[in-house]
Amino acid sequence: MFSLDRLQTAITADPDRWRPLVLTNGCFDLLHAGHIRYLNAAKALGRSLVVGINSDTSVAKLKPQPPGMPPRPLIPENQRAEIVATLKPVDATVIFSEPTADRLIATLKPDIYVKGGDYNLDTLPETPAVRAVGGQIRFVRVEVPTSTSAIVTRILRGEDDRARLDPSV
């Protein structure tokens, strides 16, 4: 896990190690197969993959607490960043607290910015920031029948639908 300043210094000092740099971001609250598939696909687009991790404060704003659900995030930011940093496709993580990744983009100047397939250029808040630094935007869609919210809901309901999620069970 890096601070933004330290990561910027590392990238500037050794561009051959980092470029082309791919940047993505998200909450990564409870890791599941969709996260892993997404990060592998993002990494395949460049030499290094940096993952911006939403701070606890920003996750709480992005993921309001529905009735009967625990407040998000479930895992504290430093632990989420540490867990994601250990994944094979990830070269660095950095925690950010702003509502968008605009500051990460302006500072790191990624060659490629990746988001999930549920976004498009018109709905992606970071589109102007990526364009301002001359980066490309790529959307990655992964098929996986779950989400963190769905996992939490199933746990709270006491449901066991592992067979639906994994036919080998």
Protein backbone atom coordinates (compact mmCIF):
# COMPACT_ATOMS: atom_id res chain seq x y z
CA MET A 1 0.00 0.00 0.00
CA PHE A 2 1.32 3.40 -0.99
CA SER A 3 0.51 6.99 -0.17
CA LEU A 4 -0.37 8.90 -3.32
CA ASP A 5 2.81 11.00 -3.11
CA ARG A 6 5.03 7.95 -2.63
CA LEU A 7 3.36 6.13 -5.51
CA GLN A 8 3.76 9.14 -7.82
CA THR A 9 7.47 9.29 -6.90
CA ALA A 10 7.93 5.57 -7.60
CA ILE A 11 6.24 5.83 -11.00
CA THR A 12 8.25 8.89 -11.99
CA ALA A 13 11.53 7.31 -10.85
CA ASP A 14 11.03 4.05 -12.79
CA PRO A 15 8.60 4.48 -15.70
CA ASP A 16 9.86 1.28 -17.38
CA ARG A 17 8.54 -0.71 -14.42
CA TRP A 18 5.18 1.06 -14.32
CA ARG A 19 4.23 2.14 -17.85
CA PRO A 20 1.83 1.53 -19.44
CA LEU A 21 0.04 2.08 -16.14
CA VAL A 22 -3.52 0.86 -15.63
CA LEU A 23 -5.61 2.47 -12.88
CA THR A 24 -8.90 1.31 -11.48
CA ASN A 25 -10.70 1.97 -8.24
CA GLY A 26 -13.48 0.69 -6.03
CA CYS A 27 -14.60 -0.31 -2.57
CA PHE A 28 -13.46 -3.96 -2.67
CA ASP A 29 -15.30 -4.56 0.59
CA LEU A 30 -15.77 -8.35 0.44
CA LEU A 31 -13.69 -9.89 -2.30
CA HIS A 32 -15.43 -12.32 -4.61
CA ALA A 33 -14.76 -13.97 -7.97
CA GLY A 34 -16.06 -10.95 -9.87
CA HIS A 35 -13.37 -8.74 -8.30
CA ILE A 36 -10.63 -11.21 -9.18
CA ARG A 37 -11.81 -11.59 -12.78
CA TYR A 38 -12.11 -7.82 -13.13
CA LEU A 39 -8.60 -7.16 -11.75
CA ASN A 40 -7.07 -9.85 -13.98
CA ALA A 41 -8.74 -8.30 -17.04
CA ALA A 42 -7.56 -4.82 -16.03
CA LYS A 43 -3.98 -5.96 -15.51
CA ALA A 44 -3.93 -7.56 -18.98
CA LEU A 45 -4.29 -4.07 -20.47
CA GLY A 46 -0.91 -2.75 -19.28
CA ARG A 47 2.34 -3.39 -17.47
CA SER A 48 1.23 -2.38 -13.99
CA LEU A 49 -2.09 -2.17 -12.20
CA VAL A 50 -2.76 0.39 -9.48
CA VAL A 51 -5.98 0.02 -7.50
CA GLY A 52 -7.49 3.00 -5.74
CA ILE A 53 -9.35 1.86 -2.64
CA ASN A 54 -12.24 4.01 -1.45
CA SER A 55 -11.73 5.16 2.13
CA ASP A 56 -14.18 4.09 4.82
CA THR A 57 -15.82 7.52 4.72
CA SER A 58 -16.31 7.44 0.95
CA VAL A 59 -17.67 3.86 1.03
CA ALA A 60 -20.24 4.90 3.64
CA LYS A 61 -21.40 7.66 1.28
CA LEU A 62 -21.37 5.46 -1.83
CA LYS A 63 -23.08 2.47 -0.19
CA PRO A 64 -25.87 3.79 2.02
CA GLN A 65 -27.12 1.41 4.68
CA PRO A 66 -30.36 -0.25 3.59
CA PRO A 67 -32.79 -1.28 6.35
CA GLY A 68 -31.65 -4.45 8.07
CA MET A 69 -28.16 -4.30 6.58
CA PRO A 70 -24.92 -3.59 8.43
CA PRO A 71 -23.19 -0.31 7.65
CA ARG A 72 -20.58 -0.41 4.90
CA PRO A 73 -17.75 -0.92 4.64
CA LEU A 74 -17.61 -4.24 6.42
CA ILE A 75 -13.79 -4.34 6.27
CA PRO A 76 -11.69 -1.28 7.30
CA GLU A 77 -9.85 0.60 4.53
CA ASN A 78 -6.31 -0.40 5.54
CA GLN A 79 -7.27 -4.07 5.59
CA ARG A 80 -9.07 -3.81 2.23
CA ALA A 81 -6.00 -2.13 0.71
CA GLU A 82 -3.69 -4.77 2.18
CA ILE A 83 -5.83 -7.64 0.92
CA VAL A 84 -6.12 -6.23 -2.60
CA ALA A 85 -2.38 -5.43 -2.69
CA THR A 86 -1.57 -9.12 -2.21
CA LEU A 87 -3.51 -10.21 -5.29
CA LYS A 88 -1.35 -11.36 -8.19
CA PRO A 89 -2.50 -8.79 -10.79
CA VAL A 90 -2.13 -5.81 -8.43
CA ASP A 91 1.12 -3.84 -8.32
CA ALA A 92 0.02 -1.16 -5.84
CA THR A 93 -2.93 0.09 -3.87
CA VAL A 94 -3.65 3.59 -2.66
CA ILE A 95 -6.51 4.77 -0.44
CA PHE A 96 -8.46 7.85 -1.48
CA SER A 97 -11.33 9.66 0.19
CA GLU A 98 -12.70 11.88 -2.55
CA PRO A 99 -16.05 10.99 -4.17
CA THR A 100 -14.32 10.30 -7.51
CA ALA A 101 -10.86 9.13 -8.58
CA ASP A 102 -10.13 12.47 -10.28
CA ARG A 103 -7.22 13.34 -7.96
CA LEU A 104 -5.66 9.89 -8.45
CA ILE A 105 -5.97 10.32 -12.20
CA ALA A 106 -4.52 13.85 -12.21
CA THR A 107 -1.58 12.76 -10.04
CA LEU A 108 -0.74 9.34 -11.51
CA LYS A 109 -1.67 10.10 -15.13
CA PRO A 110 -2.64 6.53 -16.00
CA ASP A 111 -2.25 5.37 -19.56
CA ILE A 112 -5.47 3.40 -19.16
CA TYR A 113 -8.31 3.90 -16.69
CA VAL A 114 -10.57 0.87 -16.23
CA LYS A 115 -14.08 0.63 -14.84
CA GLY A 116 -16.76 -2.04 -14.86
CA GLY A 117 -19.10 -2.66 -17.74
CA ASP A 118 -21.99 -1.06 -15.87
CA TYR A 119 -20.50 2.35 -16.79
CA ASN A 120 -20.14 4.15 -20.12
CA LEU A 121 -18.39 7.36 -21.16
CA ASP A 122 -21.48 9.43 -20.34
CA THR A 123 -22.06 7.96 -16.87
CA LEU A 124 -18.43 7.70 -15.78
CA PRO A 125 -17.64 10.71 -13.54
CA GLU A 126 -13.90 10.38 -14.23
CA THR A 127 -14.20 10.71 -18.03
CA PRO A 128 -13.09 14.40 -18.12
CA ALA A 129 -10.15 13.74 -15.77
CA VAL A 130 -8.88 10.82 -17.88
CA ARG A 131 -9.22 12.83 -21.08
CA ALA A 132 -7.34 15.74 -19.45
CA VAL A 133 -4.26 13.55 -18.87
CA GLY A 134 -4.44 11.90 -22.30
CA GLY A 135 -5.40 8.46 -20.98
CA GLN A 136 -7.62 5.83 -22.50
CA ILE A 137 -10.81 4.59 -20.86
CA ARG A 138 -11.67 0.90 -21.00
CA PHE A 139 -14.73 -0.85 -19.66
CA VAL A 140 -14.44 -4.43 -18.45
CA ARG A 141 -17.51 -6.59 -18.03
CA VAL A 142 -17.14 -9.81 -16.10
CA GLU A 143 -19.90 -12.32 -15.68
CA VAL A 144 -20.25 -13.48 -12.11
CA PRO A 145 -23.54 -14.15 -10.33
CA THR A 146 -22.81 -12.20 -7.16
CA SER A 147 -21.96 -8.89 -5.55
CA THR A 148 -20.88 -7.86 -2.07
CA SER A 149 -24.39 -6.60 -1.30
CA ALA A 150 -25.91 -9.88 -2.49
CA ILE A 151 -23.49 -11.89 -0.33
CA VAL A 152 -24.35 -9.85 2.77
CA THR A 153 -28.08 -10.18 2.06
CA ARG A 154 -27.81 -13.96 1.74
CA ILE A 155 -25.84 -14.18 4.99
CA LEU A 156 -28.38 -12.08 6.88
CA ARG A 157 -31.25 -14.17 5.53
CA GLY A 158 -29.45 -17.40 6.40
CA GLU A 159 -29.69 -18.53 2.81
CA ASP A 160 -27.46 -21.24 1.44
CA ASP A 161 -27.45 -20.95 -2.30
CA ARG A 162 -23.89 -22.06 -2.92
CA ALA A 163 -25.18 -24.50 -5.53
CA ARG A 164 -26.60 -21.59 -7.53
CA LEU A 165 -23.26 -19.77 -7.36
CA ASP A 166 -21.07 -22.82 -7.93
CA PRO A 167 -22.61 -25.92 -9.57
CA SER A 168 -19.76 -28.08 -8.24
CA VAL A 169 -21.09 -27.73 -4.67
